[in-house]
Amino acid sequence: MNKQEFVQSGMAEAAKGAPPVIVAATANVQSWSMADVVTWLTVIYLLLQIAWLIWKWSKAAQTGEVKE
């Protein structure tokens, strides 16, 4: 592994770890508790799941693929 590949690999791994670090740092700065962060992430996840289910149902209804 040459130096360029090593740097690229390190940058890729740093980018993968950045979102949790950003959330944790923001929560710490704005004095959110971990329970608040988990609650909001759960709410966002549920909203995304509901939106996906509505999209799936509307697509099935439009194409006539409704299962009985």
PDB file of N, CA and C in Angstrom:
ATOM      1  N   MET A   1       0.853  -1.165   0.000  1.00  0.00           N
ATOM      2  CA  MET A   1       0.000   0.000   0.000  1.00  0.00           C
ATOM      3  C   MET A   1       0.904   1.234   0.000  1.00  0.00           C
ATOM      4  N   ASN A   2       0.733   2.074  -1.003  1.00  0.00           N
ATOM      5  CA  ASN A   2       1.560   3.275  -1.052  1.00  0.00           C
ATOM      6  C   ASN A   2       0.924   4.389  -0.221  1.00  0.00           C
ATOM      7  N   LYS A   3       1.601   5.509  -0.158  1.00  0.00           N
ATOM      8  CA  LYS A   3       1.161   6.608   0.698  1.00  0.00           C
ATOM      9  C   LYS A   3      -0.199   7.157   0.267  1.00  0.00           C
ATOM     10  N   GLN A   4      -0.419   7.285  -1.044  1.00  0.00           N
ATOM     11  CA  GLN A   4      -1.684   7.828  -1.537  1.00  0.00           C
ATOM     12  C   GLN A   4      -2.852   6.910  -1.173  1.00  0.00           C
ATOM     13  N   GLU A   5      -2.667   5.603  -1.360  1.00  0.00           N
ATOM     14  CA  GLU A   5      -3.720   4.649  -1.007  1.00  0.00           C
ATOM     15  C   GLU A   5      -3.989   4.669   0.497  1.00  0.00           C
ATOM     16  N   PHE A   6      -2.933   4.833   1.276  1.00  0.00           N
ATOM     17  CA  PHE A   6      -3.072   4.893   2.724  1.00  0.00           C
ATOM     18  C   PHE A   6      -3.891   6.112   3.137  1.00  0.00           C
ATOM     19  N   VAL A   7      -3.611   7.249   2.529  1.00  0.00           N
ATOM     20  CA  VAL A   7      -4.332   8.486   2.840  1.00  0.00           C
ATOM     21  C   VAL A   7      -5.788   8.367   2.399  1.00  0.00           C
ATOM     22  N   GLN A   8      -6.022   7.822   1.210  1.00  0.00           N
ATOM     23  CA  GLN A   8      -7.397   7.659   0.723  1.00  0.00           C
ATOM     24  C   GLN A   8      -8.189   6.720   1.627  1.00  0.00           C
ATOM     25  N   SER A   9      -7.551   5.653   2.063  1.00  0.00           N
ATOM     26  CA  SER A   9      -8.212   4.709   2.963  1.00  0.00           C
ATOM     27  C   SER A   9      -8.559   5.378   4.291  1.00  0.00           C
ATOM     28  N   GLY A  10      -7.624   6.151   4.806  1.00  0.00           N
ATOM     29  CA  GLY A  10      -7.870   6.873   6.052  1.00  0.00           C
ATOM     30  C   GLY A  10      -8.981   7.888   5.929  1.00  0.00           C
ATOM     31  N   MET A  11      -9.021   8.590   4.801  1.00  0.00           N
ATOM     32  CA  MET A  11     -10.080   9.576   4.574  1.00  0.00           C
ATOM     33  C   MET A  11     -11.444   8.893   4.469  1.00  0.00           C
ATOM     34  N   ALA A  12     -11.492   7.742   3.808  1.00  0.00           N
ATOM     35  CA  ALA A  12     -12.758   7.013   3.672  1.00  0.00           C
ATOM     36  C   ALA A  12     -13.262   6.559   5.037  1.00  0.00           C
ATOM     37  N   GLU A  13     -12.370   6.052   5.861  1.00  0.00           N
ATOM     38  CA  GLU A  13     -12.774   5.603   7.196  1.00  0.00           C
ATOM     39  C   GLU A  13     -13.195   6.784   8.065  1.00  0.00           C
ATOM     40  N   ALA A  14     -12.531   7.907   7.927  1.00  0.00           N
ATOM     41  CA  ALA A  14     -12.907   9.101   8.690  1.00  0.00           C
ATOM     42  C   ALA A  14     -14.285   9.596   8.270  1.00  0.00           C
ATOM     43  N   ALA A  15     -14.588   9.526   6.976  1.00  0.00           N
ATOM     44  CA  ALA A  15     -15.900   9.955   6.488  1.00  0.00           C
ATOM     45  C   ALA A  15     -17.000   9.041   7.014  1.00  0.00           C
ATOM     46  N   LYS A  16     -16.707   7.753   7.131  1.00  0.00           N
ATOM     47  CA  LYS A  16     -17.699   6.814   7.662  1.00  0.00           C
ATOM     48  C   LYS A  16     -18.001   7.091   9.130  1.00  0.00           C
ATOM     49  N   GLY A  17     -17.022   7.532   9.858  1.00  0.00           N
ATOM     50  CA  GLY A  17     -17.203   7.787  11.279  1.00  0.00           C
ATOM     51  C   GLY A  17     -17.683   9.177  11.600  1.00  0.00           C
ATOM     52  N   ALA A  18     -17.724  10.054  10.620  1.00  0.00           N
ATOM     53  CA  ALA A  18     -18.072  11.452  10.872  1.00  0.00           C
ATOM     54  C   ALA A  18     -19.509  11.662  11.353  1.00  0.00           C
ATOM     55  N   PRO A  19     -20.539  11.040  10.763  1.00  0.00           N
ATOM     56  CA  PRO A  19     -21.908  11.322  11.218  1.00  0.00           C
ATOM     57  C   PRO A  19     -22.144  11.080  12.707  1.00  0.00           C
ATOM     58  N   PRO A  20     -21.718   9.938  13.286  1.00  0.00           N
ATOM     59  CA  PRO A  20     -21.930   9.778  14.726  1.00  0.00           C
ATOM     60  C   PRO A  20     -21.160  10.803  15.553  1.00  0.00           C
ATOM     61  N   VAL A  21     -19.975  11.148  15.093  1.00  0.00           N
ATOM     62  CA  VAL A  21     -19.184  12.135  15.824  1.00  0.00           C
ATOM     63  C   VAL A  21     -19.876  13.491  15.785  1.00  0.00           C
ATOM     64  N   ILE A  22     -20.436  13.859  14.638  1.00  0.00           N
ATOM     65  CA  ILE A  22     -21.134  15.141  14.515  1.00  0.00           C
ATOM     66  C   ILE A  22     -22.361  15.166  15.418  1.00  0.00           C
ATOM     67  N   VAL A  23     -23.125  14.081  15.436  1.00  0.00           N
ATOM     68  CA  VAL A  23     -24.313  14.016  16.292  1.00  0.00           C
ATOM     69  C   VAL A  23     -23.918  14.118  17.758  1.00  0.00           C
ATOM     70  N   ALA A  24     -22.893  13.388  18.150  1.00  0.00           N
ATOM     71  CA  ALA A  24     -22.461  13.414  19.550  1.00  0.00           C
ATOM     72  C   ALA A  24     -21.936  14.791  19.945  1.00  0.00           C
ATOM     73  N   ALA A  25     -21.168  15.413  19.065  1.00  0.00           N
ATOM     74  CA  ALA A  25     -20.625  16.744  19.368  1.00  0.00           C
ATOM     75  C   ALA A  25     -21.731  17.783  19.451  1.00  0.00           C
ATOM     76  N   THR A  26     -22.675  17.724  18.526  1.00  0.00           N
ATOM     77  CA  THR A  26     -23.800  18.665  18.544  1.00  0.00           C
ATOM     78  C   THR A  26     -24.630  18.477  19.803  1.00  0.00           C
ATOM     79  N   ALA A  27     -24.888  17.242  20.161  1.00  0.00           N
ATOM     80  CA  ALA A  27     -25.666  16.957  21.360  1.00  0.00           C
ATOM     81  C   ALA A  27     -24.953  17.482  22.602  1.00  0.00           C
ATOM     82  N   ASN A  28     -23.644  17.344  22.637  1.00  0.00           N
ATOM     83  CA  ASN A  28     -22.884  17.811  23.783  1.00  0.00           C
ATOM     84  C   ASN A  28     -22.902  19.341  23.864  1.00  0.00           C
ATOM     85  N   VAL A  29     -22.736  19.992  22.732  1.00  0.00           N
ATOM     86  CA  VAL A  29     -22.703  21.458  22.711  1.00  0.00           C
ATOM     87  C   VAL A  29     -24.061  22.035  23.083  1.00  0.00           C
ATOM     88  N   GLN A  30     -25.123  21.423  22.591  1.00  0.00           N
ATOM     89  CA  GLN A  30     -26.466  21.949  22.855  1.00  0.00           C
ATOM     90  C   GLN A  30     -27.098  21.324  24.085  1.00  0.00           C
ATOM     91  N   SER A  31     -26.324  20.599  24.842  1.00  0.00           N
ATOM     92  CA  SER A  31     -26.709  19.937  26.094  1.00  0.00           C
ATOM     93  C   SER A  31     -27.962  19.081  25.957  1.00  0.00           C
ATOM     94  N   TRP A  32     -28.010  18.271  24.889  1.00  0.00           N
ATOM     95  CA  TRP A  32     -29.062  17.268  24.764  1.00  0.00           C
ATOM     96  C   TRP A  32     -28.607  16.046  25.529  1.00  0.00           C
ATOM     97  N   SER A  33     -29.548  15.364  26.101  1.00  0.00           N
ATOM     98  CA  SER A  33     -29.185  14.092  26.727  1.00  0.00           C
ATOM     99  C   SER A  33     -29.209  13.002  25.659  1.00  0.00           C
ATOM    100  N   MET A  34     -28.607  11.881  25.965  1.00  0.00           N
ATOM    101  CA  MET A  34     -28.588  10.784  25.012  1.00  0.00           C
ATOM    102  C   MET A  34     -30.005  10.281  24.755  1.00  0.00           C
ATOM    103  N   ALA A  35     -30.871  10.363  25.763  1.00  0.00           N
ATOM    104  CA  ALA A  35     -32.263   9.950  25.597  1.00  0.00           C
ATOM    105  C   ALA A  35     -32.970  10.836  24.565  1.00  0.00           C
ATOM    106  N   ASP A  36     -32.659  12.131  24.568  1.00  0.00           N
ATOM    107  CA  ASP A  36     -33.253  13.035  23.578  1.00  0.00           C
ATOM    108  C   ASP A  36     -32.820  12.662  22.166  1.00  0.00           C
ATOM    109  N   VAL A  37     -31.547  12.374  21.998  1.00  0.00           N
ATOM    110  CA  VAL A  37     -31.021  12.012  20.682  1.00  0.00           C
ATOM    111  C   VAL A  37     -31.668  10.720  20.190  1.00  0.00           C
ATOM    112  N   VAL A  38     -31.750   9.723  21.054  1.00  0.00           N
ATOM    113  CA  VAL A  38     -32.357   8.446  20.673  1.00  0.00           C
ATOM    114  C   VAL A  38     -33.832   8.635  20.343  1.00  0.00           C
ATOM    115  N   THR A  39     -34.524   9.457  21.107  1.00  0.00           N
ATOM    116  CA  THR A  39     -35.944   9.712  20.843  1.00  0.00           C
ATOM    117  C   THR A  39     -36.134  10.343  19.479  1.00  0.00           C
ATOM    118  N   TRP A  40     -35.363  11.359  19.166  1.00  0.00           N
ATOM    119  CA  TRP A  40     -35.509  12.028  17.874  1.00  0.00           C
ATOM    120  C   TRP A  40     -35.111  11.130  16.712  1.00  0.00           C
ATOM    121  N   LEU A  41     -34.067  10.352  16.873  1.00  0.00           N
ATOM    122  CA  LEU A  41     -33.683   9.424  15.808  1.00  0.00           C
ATOM    123  C   LEU A  41     -34.769   8.368  15.587  1.00  0.00           C
ATOM    124  N   THR A  42     -35.421   7.926  16.669  1.00  0.00           N
ATOM    125  CA  THR A  42     -36.517   6.970  16.548  1.00  0.00           C
ATOM    126  C   THR A  42     -37.706   7.589  15.829  1.00  0.00           C
ATOM    127  N   VAL A  43     -38.034   8.828  16.162  1.00  0.00           N
ATOM    128  CA  VAL A  43     -39.147   9.516  15.495  1.00  0.00           C
ATOM    129  C   VAL A  43     -38.860   9.673  14.006  1.00  0.00           C
ATOM    130  N   ILE A  44     -37.642  10.066  13.666  1.00  0.00           N
ATOM    131  CA  ILE A  44     -37.272  10.218  12.253  1.00  0.00           C
ATOM    132  C   ILE A  44     -37.362   8.883  11.533  1.00  0.00           C
ATOM    133  N   TYR A  45     -36.879   7.836  12.163  1.00  0.00           N
ATOM    134  CA  TYR A  45     -36.930   6.498  11.561  1.00  0.00           C
ATOM    135  C   TYR A  45     -38.375   6.059  11.329  1.00  0.00           C
ATOM    136  N   LEU A  46     -39.235   6.279  12.305  1.00  0.00           N
ATOM    137  CA  LEU A  46     -40.646   5.908  12.150  1.00  0.00           C
ATOM    138  C   LEU A  46     -41.324   6.697  11.042  1.00  0.00           C
ATOM    139  N   LEU A  47     -41.038   7.985  10.940  1.00  0.00           N
ATOM    140  CA  LEU A  47     -41.616   8.794   9.866  1.00  0.00           C
ATOM    141  C   LEU A  47     -41.164   8.311   8.492  1.00  0.00           C
ATOM    142  N   LEU A  48     -39.894   7.940   8.378  1.00  0.00           N
ATOM    143  CA  LEU A  48     -39.402   7.399   7.110  1.00  0.00           C
ATOM    144  C   LEU A  48     -40.073   6.074   6.772  1.00  0.00           C
ATOM    145  N   GLN A  49     -40.281   5.223   7.769  1.00  0.00           N
ATOM    146  CA  GLN A  49     -40.952   3.947   7.542  1.00  0.00           C
ATOM    147  C   GLN A  49     -42.407   4.153   7.124  1.00  0.00           C
ATOM    148  N   ILE A  50     -43.096   5.100   7.748  1.00  0.00           N
ATOM    149  CA  ILE A  50     -44.483   5.399   7.393  1.00  0.00           C
ATOM    150  C   ILE A  50     -44.556   5.938   5.971  1.00  0.00           C
ATOM    151  N   ALA A  51     -43.662   6.843   5.625  1.00  0.00           N
ATOM    152  CA  ALA A  51     -43.655   7.409   4.266  1.00  0.00           C
ATOM    153  C   ALA A  51     -43.393   6.326   3.234  1.00  0.00           C
ATOM    154  N   TRP A  52     -42.462   5.411   3.524  1.00  0.00           N
ATOM    155  CA  TRP A  52     -42.168   4.324   2.591  1.00  0.00           C
ATOM    156  C   TRP A  52     -43.377   3.406   2.433  1.00  0.00           C
ATOM    157  N   LEU A  53     -44.076   3.106   3.528  1.00  0.00           N
ATOM    158  CA  LEU A  53     -45.237   2.227   3.462  1.00  0.00           C
ATOM    159  C   LEU A  53     -46.366   2.870   2.661  1.00  0.00           C
ATOM    160  N   ILE A  54     -46.597   4.158   2.858  1.00  0.00           N
ATOM    161  CA  ILE A  54     -47.622   4.867   2.082  1.00  0.00           C
ATOM    162  C   ILE A  54     -47.251   4.866   0.605  1.00  0.00           C
ATOM    163  N   TRP A  55     -45.971   5.111   0.292  1.00  0.00           N
ATOM    164  CA  TRP A  55     -45.531   5.073  -1.104  1.00  0.00           C
ATOM    165  C   TRP A  55     -45.743   3.697  -1.700  1.00  0.00           C
ATOM    166  N   LYS A  56     -45.403   2.659  -0.952  1.00  0.00           N
ATOM    167  CA  LYS A  56     -45.556   1.282  -1.422  1.00  0.00           C
ATOM    168  C   LYS A  56     -47.024   0.964  -1.685  1.00  0.00           C
ATOM    169  N   TRP A  57     -47.908   1.363  -0.777  1.00  0.00           N
ATOM    170  CA  TRP A  57     -49.337   1.100  -0.949  1.00  0.00           C
ATOM    171  C   TRP A  57     -49.899   1.866  -2.137  1.00  0.00           C
ATOM    172  N   SER A  58     -49.502   3.123  -2.296  1.00  0.00           N
ATOM    173  CA  SER A  58     -50.032   3.910  -3.416  1.00  0.00           C
ATOM    174  C   SER A  58     -49.529   3.361  -4.748  1.00  0.00           C
ATOM    175  N   LYS A  59     -48.291   2.914  -4.790  1.00  0.00           N
ATOM    176  CA  LYS A  59     -47.750   2.316  -6.015  1.00  0.00           C
ATOM    177  C   LYS A  59     -48.489   1.028  -6.349  1.00  0.00           C
ATOM    178  N   ALA A  60     -48.751   0.205  -5.330  1.00  0.00           N
ATOM    179  CA  ALA A  60     -49.480  -1.046  -5.550  1.00  0.00           C
ATOM    180  C   ALA A  60     -50.902  -0.769  -6.014  1.00  0.00           C
ATOM    181  N   ALA A  61     -51.539   0.253  -5.475  1.00  0.00           N
ATOM    182  CA  ALA A  61     -52.906   0.587  -5.873  1.00  0.00           C
ATOM    183  C   ALA A  61     -52.946   1.113  -7.304  1.00  0.00           C
ATOM    184  N   GLN A  62     -51.948   1.866  -7.711  1.00  0.00           N
ATOM    185  CA  GLN A  62     -51.907   2.420  -9.071  1.00  0.00           C
ATOM    186  C   GLN A  62     -51.651   1.343 -10.112  1.00  0.00           C
ATOM    187  N   THR A  63     -50.840   0.358  -9.779  1.00  0.00           N
ATOM    188  CA  THR A  63     -50.515  -0.688 -10.739  1.00  0.00           C
ATOM    189  C   THR A  63     -51.465  -1.864 -10.659  1.00  0.00           C
ATOM    190  N   GLY A  64     -52.372  -1.874  -9.694  1.00  0.00           N
ATOM    191  CA  GLY A  64     -53.328  -2.955  -9.560  1.00  0.00           C
ATOM    192  C   GLY A  64     -52.746  -4.202  -8.955  1.00  0.00           C
ATOM    193  N   GLU A  65     -51.666  -4.076  -8.224  1.00  0.00           N
ATOM    194  CA  GLU A  65     -51.010  -5.241  -7.607  1.00  0.00           C
ATOM    195  C   GLU A  65     -51.420  -5.399  -6.139  1.00  0.00           C
ATOM    196  N   VAL A  66     -52.648  -5.058  -5.836  1.00  0.00           N
ATOM    197  CA  VAL A  66     -53.111  -5.153  -4.452  1.00  0.00           C
ATOM    198  C   VAL A  66     -53.368  -6.625  -4.141  1.00  0.00           C
ATOM    199  N   LYS A  67     -52.749  -7.109  -3.087  1.00  0.00           N
ATOM    200  CA  LYS A  67     -52.915  -8.511  -2.684  1.00  0.00           C
ATOM    201  C   LYS A  67     -54.096  -8.627  -1.734  1.00  0.00           C
ATOM    202  N   GLU A  68     -54.882  -9.673  -1.926  1.00  0.00           N
ATOM    203  CA  GLU A  68     -56.043  -9.872  -1.047  1.00  0.00           C
ATOM    204  C   GLU A  68     -55.844 -11.078  -0.189  1.00  0.00           C
TER     205      GLU A  68
END
